[in-house]
């Protein structure tokens, strides 16, 4: 929903339901896609894809905690992370260890989806980004 609101993917995906105040278009598309994937792929493939996505995301968030703590020390924190920088560094190391246990086909599929995401950004997101438009107006 936020990526749609920022113009990185089509605006229709950020439509909010008038009664429930939820992003119903994005939710329906995500649900249908998940159901199709669950119907055609074996469970071990699905769990490997979920694992690689979760571990990489958690690693990036942990890295961001450390970087933001030093680059923007006075920034308001919505949550506390104990033991910075040790806890996030240990988290990243553990995630990397777990990532090394995943099958090569999982990495190949992940890189394929990553390429698709990059292409969507290059051909759609960079032209429709509201942040890009704001920067151009400032200049």
N, C-alpha and C. Protein backbone atom coordinates (compact mmCIF):
# COMPACT_ATOMS: atom_id res chain seq x y z
N UNK A 1 0.82 -1.19 0.00
CA UNK A 1 0.00 0.00 0.00
C UNK A 1 0.87 1.26 0.00
N UNK A 2 1.90 1.27 0.81
CA UNK A 2 2.76 2.45 0.90
C UNK A 2 3.54 2.64 -0.40
N UNK A 3 4.01 1.54 -0.97
CA UNK A 3 4.74 1.65 -2.25
C UNK A 3 3.82 2.22 -3.32
N UNK A 4 2.55 1.84 -3.30
CA UNK A 4 1.58 2.37 -4.25
C UNK A 4 1.33 3.85 -3.99
N UNK A 5 1.18 4.20 -2.74
CA UNK A 5 0.96 5.61 -2.38
C UNK A 5 2.13 6.48 -2.81
N UNK A 6 3.36 5.92 -2.75
CA UNK A 6 4.55 6.65 -3.16
C UNK A 6 4.77 6.64 -4.66
N UNK A 7 3.91 5.92 -5.40
CA UNK A 7 4.01 5.91 -6.86
C UNK A 7 4.95 4.86 -7.43
N UNK A 8 5.45 3.95 -6.60
CA UNK A 8 6.40 2.94 -7.10
C UNK A 8 5.71 1.78 -7.80
N UNK A 9 4.44 1.54 -7.47
CA UNK A 9 3.60 0.58 -8.17
C UNK A 9 2.25 1.28 -8.40
N UNK A 10 1.38 0.75 -9.25
CA UNK A 10 0.15 1.48 -9.61
C UNK A 10 -0.68 1.95 -8.41
N UNK A 11 -1.24 3.14 -8.54
CA UNK A 11 -2.01 3.79 -7.47
C UNK A 11 -3.23 2.98 -7.03
N UNK A 12 -3.79 2.17 -7.93
CA UNK A 12 -4.98 1.38 -7.59
C UNK A 12 -4.72 0.47 -6.40
N UNK A 13 -3.48 0.07 -6.19
CA UNK A 13 -3.16 -0.84 -5.09
C UNK A 13 -3.22 -0.17 -3.73
N UNK A 14 -3.31 1.15 -3.68
CA UNK A 14 -3.41 1.83 -2.39
C UNK A 14 -4.84 2.22 -2.05
N UNK A 15 -5.81 1.78 -2.86
CA UNK A 15 -7.21 2.08 -2.56
C UNK A 15 -7.60 1.48 -1.21
N UNK A 16 -8.26 2.29 -0.40
CA UNK A 16 -8.67 1.86 0.93
C UNK A 16 -10.19 1.66 0.92
N UNK A 17 -10.63 0.55 1.50
CA UNK A 17 -12.05 0.22 1.56
C UNK A 17 -12.78 1.26 2.41
N UNK A 18 -13.91 1.79 1.92
CA UNK A 18 -14.60 2.85 2.66
C UNK A 18 -15.12 2.42 4.03
N UNK A 19 -15.51 1.18 4.20
CA UNK A 19 -16.07 0.72 5.48
C UNK A 19 -14.99 0.20 6.43
N UNK A 20 -14.05 -0.60 5.90
CA UNK A 20 -13.08 -1.28 6.76
C UNK A 20 -11.74 -0.56 6.88
N UNK A 21 -11.51 0.47 6.05
CA UNK A 21 -10.25 1.22 6.05
C UNK A 21 -9.02 0.33 5.87
N UNK A 22 -9.13 -0.65 5.00
CA UNK A 22 -8.01 -1.54 4.68
C UNK A 22 -7.71 -1.44 3.19
N UNK A 23 -6.48 -1.70 2.80
CA UNK A 23 -6.12 -1.66 1.37
C UNK A 23 -6.65 -2.90 0.66
N UNK A 24 -7.92 -2.89 0.29
CA UNK A 24 -8.59 -4.10 -0.17
C UNK A 24 -8.11 -4.60 -1.53
N UNK A 25 -7.74 -3.73 -2.44
CA UNK A 25 -7.27 -4.18 -3.76
C UNK A 25 -5.95 -4.94 -3.60
N UNK A 26 -5.01 -4.37 -2.87
CA UNK A 26 -3.72 -5.03 -2.65
C UNK A 26 -3.91 -6.33 -1.87
N UNK A 27 -4.84 -6.33 -0.91
CA UNK A 27 -5.09 -7.53 -0.11
C UNK A 27 -5.66 -8.65 -0.97
N UNK A 28 -6.61 -8.33 -1.83
CA UNK A 28 -7.21 -9.34 -2.70
C UNK A 28 -6.18 -9.90 -3.68
N UNK A 29 -5.39 -9.03 -4.28
CA UNK A 29 -4.37 -9.50 -5.23
C UNK A 29 -3.34 -10.37 -4.52
N UNK A 30 -2.91 -9.95 -3.34
CA UNK A 30 -1.95 -10.74 -2.58
C UNK A 30 -2.54 -12.09 -2.17
N UNK A 31 -3.77 -12.09 -1.72
CA UNK A 31 -4.43 -13.33 -1.31
C UNK A 31 -4.62 -14.31 -2.46
N UNK A 32 -5.05 -13.80 -3.61
CA UNK A 32 -5.24 -14.67 -4.78
C UNK A 32 -3.90 -15.22 -5.25
N UNK A 33 -2.88 -14.37 -5.28
CA UNK A 33 -1.54 -14.82 -5.68
C UNK A 33 -1.02 -15.89 -4.72
N UNK A 34 -1.18 -15.68 -3.42
CA UNK A 34 -0.73 -16.65 -2.43
C UNK A 34 -1.49 -17.97 -2.58
N UNK A 35 -2.78 -17.90 -2.85
CA UNK A 35 -3.58 -19.12 -3.02
C UNK A 35 -3.13 -19.91 -4.25
N UNK A 36 -2.84 -19.21 -5.34
CA UNK A 36 -2.37 -19.87 -6.55
C UNK A 36 -1.02 -20.54 -6.30
N UNK A 37 -0.11 -19.80 -5.67
CA UNK A 37 1.22 -20.36 -5.37
C UNK A 37 1.07 -21.58 -4.46
N UNK A 38 0.24 -21.47 -3.42
CA UNK A 38 0.05 -22.58 -2.49
C UNK A 38 -0.58 -23.79 -3.17
N UNK A 39 -1.38 -23.55 -4.19
CA UNK A 39 -2.04 -24.64 -4.91
C UNK A 39 -1.13 -25.38 -5.87
N UNK A 40 -0.07 -24.73 -6.33
CA UNK A 40 0.77 -25.35 -7.37
C UNK A 40 2.18 -25.74 -6.91
N UNK A 41 2.69 -25.11 -5.87
CA UNK A 41 4.06 -25.41 -5.45
C UNK A 41 4.07 -26.31 -4.21
N UNK A 42 5.06 -27.19 -4.13
CA UNK A 42 5.20 -28.02 -2.91
C UNK A 42 5.55 -27.15 -1.70
N UNK A 43 5.16 -27.63 -0.53
CA UNK A 43 5.35 -26.87 0.70
C UNK A 43 6.82 -26.56 0.98
N UNK A 44 7.75 -27.46 0.67
CA UNK A 44 9.16 -27.19 0.96
C UNK A 44 9.70 -26.03 0.13
N UNK A 45 9.22 -25.88 -1.09
CA UNK A 45 9.65 -24.74 -1.92
C UNK A 45 9.09 -23.44 -1.34
N UNK A 46 7.83 -23.48 -0.96
CA UNK A 46 7.19 -22.29 -0.38
C UNK A 46 7.91 -21.86 0.90
N UNK A 47 8.22 -22.81 1.76
CA UNK A 47 8.89 -22.47 3.02
C UNK A 47 10.30 -21.94 2.77
N UNK A 48 10.99 -22.46 1.77
CA UNK A 48 12.32 -21.93 1.45
C UNK A 48 12.23 -20.49 0.95
N UNK A 49 11.23 -20.20 0.11
CA UNK A 49 11.06 -18.83 -0.38
C UNK A 49 10.72 -17.88 0.76
N UNK A 50 9.84 -18.34 1.66
CA UNK A 50 9.50 -17.50 2.82
C UNK A 50 10.71 -17.29 3.71
N UNK A 51 11.51 -18.33 3.86
CA UNK A 51 12.70 -18.22 4.72
C UNK A 51 13.70 -17.21 4.16
N UNK A 52 13.99 -17.28 2.87
CA UNK A 52 14.99 -16.37 2.30
C UNK A 52 14.50 -14.93 2.38
N UNK A 53 13.22 -14.72 2.12
CA UNK A 53 12.68 -13.36 2.19
C UNK A 53 12.71 -12.81 3.60
N UNK A 54 12.31 -13.63 4.57
CA UNK A 54 12.27 -13.19 5.95
C UNK A 54 13.67 -12.94 6.50
N UNK A 55 14.59 -13.86 6.23
CA UNK A 55 15.96 -13.71 6.75
C UNK A 55 16.66 -12.49 6.15
N UNK A 56 16.50 -12.28 4.85
CA UNK A 56 17.13 -11.11 4.22
C UNK A 56 16.50 -9.81 4.72
N UNK A 57 15.19 -9.79 4.87
CA UNK A 57 14.52 -8.59 5.38
C UNK A 57 14.95 -8.28 6.80
N UNK A 58 15.02 -9.30 7.63
CA UNK A 58 15.42 -9.10 9.02
C UNK A 58 16.87 -8.62 9.10
N UNK A 59 17.72 -9.12 8.21
CA UNK A 59 19.12 -8.66 8.17
C UNK A 59 19.21 -7.19 7.79
N UNK A 60 18.43 -6.79 6.80
CA UNK A 60 18.45 -5.39 6.36
C UNK A 60 17.93 -4.47 7.46
N UNK A 61 16.87 -4.88 8.14
CA UNK A 61 16.34 -4.07 9.24
C UNK A 61 17.37 -3.96 10.36
N UNK A 62 18.04 -5.05 10.68
CA UNK A 62 19.07 -5.03 11.73
C UNK A 62 20.22 -4.10 11.35
N UNK A 63 20.63 -4.15 10.09
CA UNK A 63 21.68 -3.25 9.61
C UNK A 63 21.22 -1.79 9.68
N UNK A 64 19.96 -1.56 9.33
CA UNK A 64 19.42 -0.20 9.37
C UNK A 64 19.40 0.35 10.80
N UNK A 65 19.14 -0.50 11.78
CA UNK A 65 19.16 -0.07 13.18
C UNK A 65 20.54 0.49 13.53
N UNK A 66 21.58 -0.23 13.14
CA UNK A 66 22.95 0.21 13.45
C UNK A 66 23.28 1.50 12.70
N UNK A 67 22.99 1.53 11.41
CA UNK A 67 23.33 2.69 10.58
C UNK A 67 22.60 3.93 11.08
N UNK A 68 21.30 3.81 11.33
CA UNK A 68 20.53 4.97 11.79
C UNK A 68 20.96 5.44 13.17
N UNK A 69 21.37 4.51 14.01
CA UNK A 69 21.82 4.89 15.35
C UNK A 69 23.03 5.81 15.27
N UNK A 70 23.90 5.58 14.29
CA UNK A 70 25.11 6.40 14.17
C UNK A 70 24.94 7.60 13.24
N UNK A 71 24.15 7.44 12.18
CA UNK A 71 23.97 8.55 11.24
C UNK A 71 22.95 9.57 11.74
N UNK A 72 21.94 9.13 12.48
CA UNK A 72 20.89 10.01 12.99
C UNK A 72 20.64 9.71 14.47
N UNK A 73 21.59 10.02 15.33
CA UNK A 73 21.46 9.65 16.75
C UNK A 73 20.31 10.34 17.47
N UNK A 74 19.86 11.49 17.01
CA UNK A 74 18.79 12.23 17.69
C UNK A 74 17.40 11.93 17.13
N UNK A 75 17.32 11.06 16.15
CA UNK A 75 16.03 10.73 15.54
C UNK A 75 15.12 10.04 16.55
N UNK A 76 13.82 10.39 16.52
CA UNK A 76 12.86 9.76 17.43
C UNK A 76 12.74 8.28 17.08
N UNK A 77 12.81 7.42 18.08
CA UNK A 77 12.72 5.97 17.90
C UNK A 77 11.32 5.50 18.31
N UNK A 78 10.67 4.78 17.42
CA UNK A 78 9.34 4.24 17.73
C UNK A 78 9.43 2.99 18.58
N UNK A 79 10.60 2.36 18.58
CA UNK A 79 10.81 1.18 19.41
C UNK A 79 12.26 1.17 19.88
N UNK A 80 12.52 0.43 20.92
CA UNK A 80 13.88 0.34 21.48
C UNK A 80 14.52 -0.98 21.06
N UNK A 81 15.79 -0.92 20.74
CA UNK A 81 16.57 -2.11 20.42
C UNK A 81 17.70 -2.19 21.44
N UNK A 82 17.65 -3.19 22.31
CA UNK A 82 18.69 -3.29 23.34
C UNK A 82 20.02 -3.75 22.76
N UNK A 83 21.09 -3.30 23.37
CA UNK A 83 22.41 -3.80 23.03
C UNK A 83 22.97 -3.39 21.69
N UNK A 84 22.54 -2.24 21.16
CA UNK A 84 23.08 -1.77 19.88
C UNK A 84 24.53 -1.40 20.08
N UNK A 85 25.44 -1.81 19.25
CA UNK A 85 25.30 -2.49 17.97
C UNK A 85 25.42 -4.01 18.05
N UNK A 86 25.60 -4.56 19.27
CA UNK A 86 25.87 -5.99 19.38
C UNK A 86 24.68 -6.86 18.99
N UNK A 87 23.49 -6.54 19.47
CA UNK A 87 22.31 -7.35 19.15
C UNK A 87 22.04 -7.39 17.65
N UNK A 88 22.02 -6.23 16.95
CA UNK A 88 21.79 -6.30 15.50
C UNK A 88 22.91 -7.05 14.76
N UNK A 89 24.15 -6.90 15.18
CA UNK A 89 25.25 -7.59 14.51
C UNK A 89 25.12 -9.11 14.70
N UNK A 90 24.80 -9.54 15.91
CA UNK A 90 24.59 -10.97 16.15
C UNK A 90 23.41 -11.48 15.32
N UNK A 91 22.36 -10.67 15.22
CA UNK A 91 21.20 -11.03 14.41
C UNK A 91 21.60 -11.23 12.95
N UNK A 92 22.37 -10.30 12.41
CA UNK A 92 22.81 -10.40 11.01
C UNK A 92 23.65 -11.65 10.81
N UNK A 93 24.56 -11.92 11.71
CA UNK A 93 25.42 -13.12 11.59
C UNK A 93 24.57 -14.39 11.62
N UNK A 94 23.61 -14.46 12.53
CA UNK A 94 22.74 -15.64 12.60
C UNK A 94 21.91 -15.80 11.33
N UNK A 95 21.40 -14.71 10.80
CA UNK A 95 20.62 -14.77 9.56
C UNK A 95 21.50 -15.24 8.40
N UNK A 96 22.72 -14.76 8.33
CA UNK A 96 23.63 -15.19 7.26
C UNK A 96 23.93 -16.68 7.38
N UNK A 97 24.14 -17.15 8.59
CA UNK A 97 24.38 -18.58 8.78
C UNK A 97 23.18 -19.39 8.29
N UNK A 98 21.98 -18.96 8.64
CA UNK A 98 20.77 -19.67 8.19
C UNK A 98 20.61 -19.57 6.67
N UNK A 99 20.95 -18.42 6.09
CA UNK A 99 20.84 -18.25 4.64
C UNK A 99 21.77 -19.20 3.89
N UNK A 100 22.92 -19.51 4.48
CA UNK A 100 23.87 -20.41 3.80
C UNK A 100 23.35 -21.85 3.74
N UNK A 101 22.33 -22.17 4.53
CA UNK A 101 21.78 -23.53 4.51
C UNK A 101 20.70 -23.72 3.45
N UNK A 102 20.28 -22.65 2.81
CA UNK A 102 19.23 -22.76 1.80
C UNK A 102 19.77 -23.33 0.49
N UNK A 103 18.92 -24.03 -0.22
CA UNK A 103 19.31 -24.68 -1.47
C UNK A 103 19.62 -23.64 -2.55
N UNK A 104 20.52 -23.97 -3.47
CA UNK A 104 20.86 -23.04 -4.56
C UNK A 104 19.65 -22.61 -5.39
N UNK A 105 18.69 -23.51 -5.59
CA UNK A 105 17.51 -23.15 -6.38
C UNK A 105 16.72 -22.03 -5.72
N UNK A 106 16.75 -21.99 -4.38
CA UNK A 106 16.07 -20.92 -3.65
C UNK A 106 16.74 -19.59 -3.94
N UNK A 107 18.06 -19.58 -3.96
CA UNK A 107 18.81 -18.36 -4.28
C UNK A 107 18.56 -17.92 -5.72
N UNK A 108 18.52 -18.88 -6.64
CA UNK A 108 18.28 -18.55 -8.05
C UNK A 108 16.89 -17.94 -8.21
N UNK A 109 15.89 -18.55 -7.57
CA UNK A 109 14.53 -18.01 -7.65
C UNK A 109 14.45 -16.63 -7.00
N UNK A 110 15.12 -16.47 -5.86
CA UNK A 110 15.13 -15.17 -5.20
C UNK A 110 15.75 -14.10 -6.10
N UNK A 111 16.88 -14.43 -6.71
CA UNK A 111 17.53 -13.46 -7.61
C UNK A 111 16.64 -13.14 -8.80
N UNK A 112 15.89 -14.12 -9.28
CA UNK A 112 14.94 -13.88 -10.37
C UNK A 112 13.85 -12.89 -9.96
N UNK A 113 13.26 -13.11 -8.77
CA UNK A 113 12.24 -12.19 -8.28
C UNK A 113 12.82 -10.81 -7.98
N UNK A 114 14.05 -10.78 -7.49
CA UNK A 114 14.71 -9.51 -7.25
C UNK A 114 14.89 -8.75 -8.56
N UNK A 115 15.28 -9.46 -9.60
CA UNK A 115 15.42 -8.85 -10.93
C UNK A 115 14.09 -8.30 -11.43
N UNK A 116 13.02 -9.06 -11.23
CA UNK A 116 11.69 -8.58 -11.61
C UNK A 116 11.37 -7.29 -10.87
N UNK A 117 11.63 -7.25 -9.56
CA UNK A 117 11.38 -6.05 -8.76
C UNK A 117 12.19 -4.86 -9.23
N UNK A 118 13.45 -5.09 -9.56
CA UNK A 118 14.31 -4.01 -10.06
C UNK A 118 13.78 -3.49 -11.39
N UNK A 119 13.36 -4.40 -12.26
CA UNK A 119 12.83 -3.98 -13.57
C UNK A 119 11.53 -3.18 -13.41
N UNK A 120 10.67 -3.59 -12.47
CA UNK A 120 9.44 -2.83 -12.21
C UNK A 120 9.81 -1.43 -11.74
N UNK A 121 10.81 -1.33 -10.88
CA UNK A 121 11.23 -0.01 -10.41
C UNK A 121 11.79 0.83 -11.56
N UNK A 122 12.66 0.23 -12.37
CA UNK A 122 13.29 0.98 -13.46
C UNK A 122 12.25 1.47 -14.46
N UNK A 123 11.34 0.58 -14.85
CA UNK A 123 10.40 0.94 -15.93
C UNK A 123 9.11 1.57 -15.45
N UNK A 124 8.74 1.43 -14.19
CA UNK A 124 7.51 2.04 -13.70
C UNK A 124 7.79 2.99 -12.53
N UNK A 125 8.39 2.48 -11.49
CA UNK A 125 8.55 3.24 -10.26
C UNK A 125 9.35 4.52 -10.40
N UNK A 126 10.44 4.48 -11.15
CA UNK A 126 11.27 5.68 -11.27
C UNK A 126 10.54 6.81 -12.01
N UNK A 127 9.61 6.46 -12.88
CA UNK A 127 8.86 7.47 -13.63
C UNK A 127 7.65 8.01 -12.85
N UNK A 128 7.13 7.23 -11.92
CA UNK A 128 5.92 7.60 -11.20
C UNK A 128 6.17 7.95 -9.73
N UNK A 129 7.39 7.86 -9.26
CA UNK A 129 7.71 8.08 -7.86
C UNK A 129 7.35 9.48 -7.41
N UNK A 130 6.55 9.58 -6.34
CA UNK A 130 6.20 10.90 -5.80
C UNK A 130 7.42 11.54 -5.15
N UNK A 131 8.32 10.74 -4.59
CA UNK A 131 9.54 11.29 -4.00
C UNK A 131 10.43 11.91 -5.07
N UNK A 132 10.51 11.26 -6.22
CA UNK A 132 11.31 11.78 -7.33
C UNK A 132 10.73 13.11 -7.82
N UNK A 133 9.40 13.19 -7.89
CA UNK A 133 8.75 14.42 -8.33
C UNK A 133 9.01 15.56 -7.34
N UNK A 134 8.99 15.24 -6.03
CA UNK A 134 9.27 16.26 -5.02
C UNK A 134 10.69 16.79 -5.15
N UNK A 135 11.65 15.90 -5.39
CA UNK A 135 13.04 16.32 -5.54
C UNK A 135 13.23 17.21 -6.77
N UNK A 136 12.54 16.88 -7.86
CA UNK A 136 12.65 17.68 -9.06
C UNK A 136 12.06 19.06 -8.86
N UNK A 137 10.99 19.18 -8.06
CA UNK A 137 10.39 20.48 -7.79
C UNK A 137 11.27 21.34 -6.91
N UNK A 138 12.05 20.70 -6.03
CA UNK A 138 12.96 21.44 -5.15
C UNK A 138 14.09 22.06 -5.96
N UNK A 139 14.57 21.32 -6.95
CA UNK A 139 15.69 21.79 -7.77
C UNK A 139 15.24 22.87 -8.66
